[in-house]
Amino acid sequence: MPLSIFGFRALWSPWFLLSLVAVVILYFLITMTWRHRFENSIPPTIKEITLFLSGMILLYTLKGSPVDLLGHILFSVHMIQMAALLFIVVPLLIMGIPGWVWQIALKVNIINRMFRLFTNPVVSLMVFAFAFSIYHVPMVLDYLKMSLILHAVFTITIFMSAVFLWWPIVNTVEGQPKLHGLKKIGYVILSAILITPACALIIFVDVPVYETYMGGEAWLKAMALCVPAGTLSGLAGLGVSGPEMFTNMTTLADQQLGGIIMKTAQELIYVGVLGRIFFTWAAEERNNADEITRLDLVKRQKLHDSGTY
């Protein structure tokens, strides 16, 4: 069946789109129009604007376009959403917001305390791994998908845990905790290791474990997260009762594919991140070595000129 049967609102989430447009307008008002009201403010760079807009466009694609609807029908698409949201959108948005804007936000006491606690490398790794793993426990995910409020709260929670995870790696805010060199490489590798058990369980389990992706009453209740109640009741009367109406994959194959997608996507993204970290670190080490050598030569020259060498 075509996804169009769910209607325009379910397919394109117009209210979510308007919310994101409002956020983008606010971004430009703060960073450009109202910038002079803030101390030490500078215009956003083209790179920052590009990163922020890319993150917002991808965010809408994942959570507002038909991709989101598919993510409630197919577990594999849900995992594509999660991988892109947590490992691409989050760092794009962090890097896209100018440092002076972050500094203003971090002057708020409760925000500053929260970031100081949860961006500690050990804490951020543990919190993210726990949030990701607990979210994909079958009983938990099924329960959350039955409640619009609980699902929204936990989605925001896991999104914030990803912000804390990425903060020590990509933030450039003066005075904020950040990792360098080998510590940053070890942090990324450990992050990949910590979510592996959750992905492995999804991949290697030999039975479908998520009721909200199997069809029937649980699936219909979960679809209420993105489909208006009136539309959903009409579709139930037409015999639409599960994901098998929209795919040729079995529920088990879809579930296992989801686990593979998540782990593969994370590994590929992290390989790119590790490559960038390594080459940046190597360049910094090389530049520092050159500077040390230069200073040593200058010192030797001065000693030679003074006749004490």
Protein backbone atom coordinates (compact mmCIF):
# COMPACT_ATOMS: atom_id res chain seq x y z
CA MET A 1 0.00 0.00 0.00
CA PRO A 2 1.19 3.58 -0.63
CA LEU A 3 2.07 5.77 2.37
CA SER A 4 -0.28 8.44 1.02
CA ILE A 5 -3.19 6.63 2.68
CA PHE A 6 -2.02 8.10 6.00
CA GLY A 7 -2.68 11.66 4.85
CA PHE A 8 -0.67 14.88 4.45
CA ARG A 9 -0.34 15.61 8.18
CA ALA A 10 1.19 12.21 8.95
CA LEU A 11 3.50 12.38 5.93
CA TRP A 12 4.88 15.90 6.34
CA SER A 13 4.30 16.97 9.98
CA PRO A 14 3.51 20.64 9.17
CA TRP A 15 3.58 21.76 12.81
CA PHE A 16 7.02 20.28 13.32
CA LEU A 17 8.19 22.00 10.13
CA LEU A 18 6.88 25.36 11.36
CA SER A 19 8.66 24.82 14.69
CA LEU A 20 11.98 24.20 12.95
CA VAL A 21 11.49 27.21 10.68
CA ALA A 22 10.92 29.31 13.83
CA VAL A 23 14.16 27.96 15.32
CA VAL A 24 16.09 28.83 12.14
CA ILE A 25 14.66 32.37 12.14
CA LEU A 26 15.62 32.73 15.81
CA TYR A 27 19.14 31.52 14.97
CA PHE A 28 19.61 34.28 12.40
CA LEU A 29 18.01 36.91 14.64
CA ILE A 30 20.39 36.11 17.50
CA THR A 31 23.56 35.61 15.45
CA MET A 32 23.02 38.49 13.01
CA THR A 33 20.15 40.95 13.62
CA TRP A 34 20.43 41.10 17.43
CA ARG A 35 24.12 40.25 17.58
CA HIS A 36 25.20 43.72 18.73
CA ARG A 37 23.21 43.31 21.94
CA PHE A 38 25.68 40.70 23.15
CA GLU A 39 29.28 41.16 24.25
CA ASN A 40 32.10 39.55 22.29
CA SER A 41 29.71 38.54 19.51
CA ILE A 42 30.90 38.03 15.95
CA PRO A 43 28.92 37.11 12.82
CA PRO A 44 28.54 33.38 12.19
CA THR A 45 30.91 31.99 9.58
CA ILE A 46 29.66 30.45 6.35
CA LYS A 47 30.80 27.10 7.72
CA GLU A 48 28.74 27.52 10.91
CA ILE A 49 25.63 28.56 8.99
CA THR A 50 26.04 25.64 6.60
CA LEU A 51 26.48 23.14 9.44
CA PHE A 52 23.47 24.47 11.36
CA LEU A 53 21.15 24.53 8.34
CA SER A 54 22.33 21.07 7.29
CA GLY A 55 21.53 19.78 10.75
CA MET A 56 18.06 21.36 10.73
CA ILE A 57 17.22 20.06 7.25
CA LEU A 58 18.35 16.57 8.19
CA LEU A 59 16.40 16.81 11.45
CA TYR A 60 13.21 17.59 9.56
CA THR A 61 13.92 14.82 7.04
CA LEU A 62 14.29 12.31 9.85
CA LYS A 63 11.48 13.43 12.15
CA GLY A 64 9.05 15.34 9.94
CA SER A 65 9.07 13.83 6.47
CA PRO A 66 7.69 10.42 5.34
CA VAL A 67 10.90 8.93 6.76
CA ASP A 68 9.44 9.40 10.24
CA LEU A 69 6.23 7.64 9.24
CA LEU A 70 8.26 4.76 7.81
CA GLY A 71 10.24 4.67 11.05
CA HIS A 72 7.03 3.77 12.87
CA ILE A 73 6.24 1.06 10.34
CA LEU A 74 9.67 -0.54 9.86
CA PHE A 75 12.25 -1.06 12.61
CA SER A 76 15.09 -0.84 10.09
CA VAL A 77 14.03 2.69 9.12
CA HIS A 78 13.72 3.58 12.80
CA MET A 79 17.37 2.61 13.25
CA ILE A 80 18.39 4.73 10.26
CA GLN A 81 16.62 7.61 11.99
CA MET A 82 18.42 6.98 15.27
CA ALA A 83 21.84 6.62 13.67
CA ALA A 84 21.53 9.83 11.66
CA LEU A 85 19.92 11.76 14.51
CA LEU A 86 22.45 10.80 17.19
CA PHE A 87 25.64 10.61 15.14
CA ILE A 88 25.15 13.26 12.43
CA VAL A 89 22.49 15.82 13.42
CA VAL A 90 23.82 16.38 16.94
CA PRO A 91 27.44 17.24 16.01
CA LEU A 92 26.23 19.37 13.07
CA LEU A 93 24.08 21.48 15.39
CA ILE A 94 26.77 21.78 18.07
CA MET A 95 29.34 22.99 15.54
CA GLY A 96 26.81 25.17 13.72
CA ILE A 97 26.00 27.31 16.77
CA PRO A 98 28.70 29.99 17.29
CA GLY A 99 30.81 29.65 20.43
CA TRP A 100 29.68 32.99 21.87
CA VAL A 101 26.04 31.84 21.70
CA TRP A 102 26.95 28.71 23.63
CA GLN A 103 28.78 30.87 26.19
CA ILE A 104 25.64 32.95 26.74
CA ALA A 105 23.54 29.80 27.23
CA LEU A 106 26.12 28.35 29.61
CA LYS A 107 25.93 31.44 31.81
CA VAL A 108 22.54 30.14 32.94
CA ASN A 109 23.44 28.36 36.17
CA ILE A 110 21.36 25.22 35.73
CA ILE A 111 22.56 24.73 32.12
CA ASN A 112 26.17 25.26 33.15
CA ARG A 113 25.90 22.75 36.01
CA MET A 114 24.22 20.20 33.78
CA PHE A 115 26.93 20.51 31.12
CA ARG A 116 29.72 20.39 33.71
CA LEU A 117 28.32 17.13 35.08
CA PHE A 118 27.15 15.30 31.98
CA THR A 119 29.97 16.29 29.60
CA ASN A 120 32.54 14.69 31.84
CA PRO A 121 33.91 12.03 29.46
CA VAL A 122 33.22 9.07 31.76
CA VAL A 123 29.73 10.30 32.65
CA SER A 124 28.78 11.16 29.06
CA LEU A 125 29.85 7.73 27.80
CA MET A 126 27.91 5.91 30.50
CA VAL A 127 24.78 8.05 30.16
CA PHE A 128 24.63 7.74 26.38
CA ALA A 129 25.27 3.98 26.39
CA PHE A 130 22.62 3.47 29.07
CA ALA A 131 20.02 5.69 27.36
CA PHE A 132 20.57 4.03 23.98
CA SER A 133 20.53 0.51 25.39
CA ILE A 134 17.50 0.95 27.66
CA TYR A 135 15.55 2.62 24.85
CA HIS A 136 15.93 -0.48 22.69
CA VAL A 137 14.94 -2.98 25.36
CA PRO A 138 11.79 -4.47 23.73
CA MET A 139 9.51 -3.91 26.72
CA VAL A 140 10.69 -0.31 27.12
CA LEU A 141 10.45 0.65 23.44
CA ASP A 142 7.00 -0.91 23.11
CA TYR A 143 5.80 0.92 26.23
CA LEU A 144 7.20 4.28 25.11
CA LYS A 145 5.62 3.97 21.66
CA MET A 146 2.22 3.63 23.29
CA SER A 147 2.44 7.15 24.80
CA LEU A 148 3.02 10.34 22.83
CA ILE A 149 4.27 12.23 25.90
CA LEU A 150 6.62 9.52 27.18
CA HIS A 151 8.00 8.89 23.70
CA ALA A 152 8.67 12.62 23.20
CA VAL A 153 10.33 12.93 26.63
CA PHE A 154 12.61 9.94 26.06
CA THR A 155 13.47 11.05 22.52
CA ILE A 156 14.58 14.43 23.89
CA THR A 157 16.47 12.67 26.68
CA ILE A 158 18.46 10.44 24.34
CA PHE A 159 19.06 13.42 22.03
CA MET A 160 20.53 15.39 24.96
CA SER A 161 22.65 12.40 25.95
CA ALA A 162 24.09 12.51 22.42
CA VAL A 163 24.80 16.24 22.84
CA PHE A 164 26.76 15.46 26.01
CA LEU A 165 28.54 12.60 24.21
CA TRP A 166 29.69 14.76 21.31
CA TRP A 167 30.48 17.87 23.36
CA PRO A 168 34.01 16.88 24.48
CA ILE A 169 34.84 15.98 20.86
CA VAL A 170 33.50 18.84 18.74
CA ASN A 171 32.86 21.87 20.98
CA THR A 172 35.14 24.89 20.55
CA VAL A 173 33.78 26.93 23.47
CA GLU A 174 36.53 28.47 25.58
CA GLY A 175 36.64 27.05 29.10
CA GLN A 176 34.52 24.01 28.30
CA PRO A 177 35.90 20.47 28.77
CA LYS A 178 37.31 18.96 25.62
CA LEU A 179 39.53 16.05 24.71
CA HIS A 180 42.68 16.12 22.61
CA GLY A 181 44.83 13.66 20.73
CA LEU A 182 44.90 10.07 21.90
CA LYS A 183 42.30 10.72 24.62
CA LYS A 184 39.79 11.79 21.99
CA ILE A 185 40.55 8.71 19.87
CA GLY A 186 40.12 6.41 22.88
CA TYR A 187 36.86 8.15 23.81
CA VAL A 188 35.37 7.55 20.34
CA ILE A 189 36.45 3.90 20.27
CA LEU A 190 35.00 3.26 23.74
CA SER A 191 31.73 4.88 22.70
CA ALA A 192 31.47 2.46 19.78
CA ILE A 193 32.19 -0.51 22.04
CA LEU A 194 29.60 0.41 24.68
CA ILE A 195 26.57 0.27 22.37
CA THR A 196 27.71 -2.91 20.64
CA PRO A 197 25.89 -5.30 23.05
CA ALA A 198 22.52 -3.64 22.38
CA CYS A 199 23.03 -3.87 18.61
CA ALA A 200 24.28 -7.45 18.87
CA LEU A 201 21.19 -8.56 20.76
CA ILE A 202 18.95 -7.07 18.08
CA ILE A 203 20.97 -8.65 15.27
CA PHE A 204 21.35 -12.16 16.67
CA VAL A 205 18.02 -12.74 18.41
CA ASP A 206 16.11 -15.35 16.40
CA VAL A 207 12.56 -14.15 17.09
CA PRO A 208 10.78 -10.80 16.65
CA VAL A 209 10.85 -8.96 19.98
CA TYR A 210 9.10 -5.64 19.33
CA GLU A 211 5.31 -5.95 19.47
CA THR A 212 4.85 -2.44 18.05
CA TYR A 213 6.58 -3.56 14.84
CA MET A 214 4.71 -6.86 14.48
CA GLY A 215 1.26 -5.60 13.57
CA GLY A 216 -2.06 -5.94 15.31
CA GLU A 217 -3.36 -3.79 18.15
CA ALA A 218 0.10 -2.81 19.48
CA TRP A 219 1.20 -1.59 16.06
CA LEU A 220 -1.96 0.46 15.57
CA LYS A 221 -1.57 2.10 18.98
CA ALA A 222 2.06 2.94 18.22
CA MET A 223 1.10 4.47 14.87
CA ALA A 224 -0.98 7.00 16.81
CA LEU A 225 2.33 8.78 17.53
CA CYS A 226 2.34 10.20 14.01
CA VAL A 227 -1.07 9.48 12.47
CA PRO A 228 -4.21 11.42 13.51
CA ALA A 229 -6.69 9.24 15.44
CA GLY A 230 -9.48 9.75 12.90
CA THR A 231 -7.28 8.68 10.00
CA LEU A 232 -6.00 5.67 11.93
CA SER A 233 -9.46 4.41 12.85
CA GLY A 234 -10.53 4.69 9.21
CA LEU A 235 -7.50 2.68 8.08
CA ALA A 236 -8.20 -0.02 10.66
CA GLY A 237 -11.64 -0.38 9.13
CA LEU A 238 -9.98 -0.90 5.73
CA GLY A 239 -7.93 -3.79 7.06
CA VAL A 240 -4.58 -1.98 7.49
CA SER A 241 -3.21 -3.79 10.52
CA GLY A 242 0.56 -4.09 10.31
CA PRO A 243 3.88 -3.38 8.57
CA GLU A 244 3.42 -6.38 6.28
CA MET A 245 1.09 -4.17 4.24
CA PHE A 246 4.05 -1.96 3.26
CA THR A 247 7.01 -4.31 2.89
CA ASN A 248 7.97 -7.77 1.65
CA MET A 249 10.40 -8.28 4.54
CA THR A 250 9.51 -10.47 7.46
CA THR A 251 9.36 -8.85 10.89
CA LEU A 252 12.48 -10.74 11.99
CA ALA A 253 14.46 -9.73 8.90
CA ASP A 254 13.43 -6.10 9.39
CA GLN A 255 14.49 -6.24 13.04
CA GLN A 256 17.89 -7.79 12.28
CA LEU A 257 18.48 -5.36 9.43
CA GLY A 258 17.81 -2.51 11.86
CA GLY A 259 20.54 -3.70 14.22
CA ILE A 260 23.00 -4.10 11.34
CA ILE A 261 22.20 -0.63 10.01
CA MET A 262 22.72 1.02 13.39
CA LYS A 263 26.06 -0.65 14.06
CA THR A 264 27.35 -0.22 10.50
CA ALA A 265 26.31 3.43 10.32
CA GLN A 266 27.92 4.17 13.66
CA GLU A 267 31.15 2.46 12.67
CA LEU A 268 31.36 4.29 9.35
CA ILE A 269 30.70 7.67 10.97
CA TYR A 270 33.22 6.97 13.72
CA VAL A 271 35.86 5.88 11.20
CA GLY A 272 35.48 9.27 9.54
CA VAL A 273 35.63 11.05 12.90
CA LEU A 274 38.68 9.06 13.98
CA GLY A 275 40.43 9.83 10.71
CA ARG A 276 39.86 13.54 11.15
CA ILE A 277 40.93 13.43 14.81
CA PHE A 278 44.11 11.51 13.98
CA PHE A 279 45.23 13.76 11.16
CA THR A 280 44.40 16.93 13.15
CA TRP A 281 46.32 15.59 16.13
CA ALA A 282 49.28 14.56 13.98
CA ALA A 283 49.36 18.01 12.36
CA GLU A 284 49.26 19.71 15.76
CA GLU A 285 52.06 17.51 17.04
CA ARG A 286 54.13 18.25 13.95
CA ASN A 287 53.52 21.99 14.25
CA ASN A 288 54.42 21.96 17.92
CA ALA A 289 57.58 20.02 17.18
CA ASP A 290 58.58 22.60 14.59
CA GLU A 291 57.94 25.40 17.06
CA ILE A 292 60.00 23.73 19.75
CA THR A 293 62.85 23.21 17.32
CA ARG A 294 62.66 26.84 16.19
CA LEU A 295 62.76 28.16 19.75
CA ASP A 296 65.69 25.90 20.58
CA LEU A 297 67.63 27.17 17.54
CA VAL A 298 66.92 30.78 18.50
CA LYS A 299 68.16 30.11 22.02
CA ARG A 300 71.32 28.44 20.72
CA GLN A 301 71.94 31.35 18.36
CA LYS A 302 71.62 33.86 21.19
CA LEU A 303 74.06 31.87 23.32
CA HIS A 304 76.46 31.71 20.39
CA ASP A 305 76.23 35.44 19.75
CA SER A 306 76.86 36.21 23.42
CA GLY A 307 79.95 34.03 23.41
CA THR A 308 78.68 31.74 26.14
CA TYR A 309 78.07 28.77 23.83
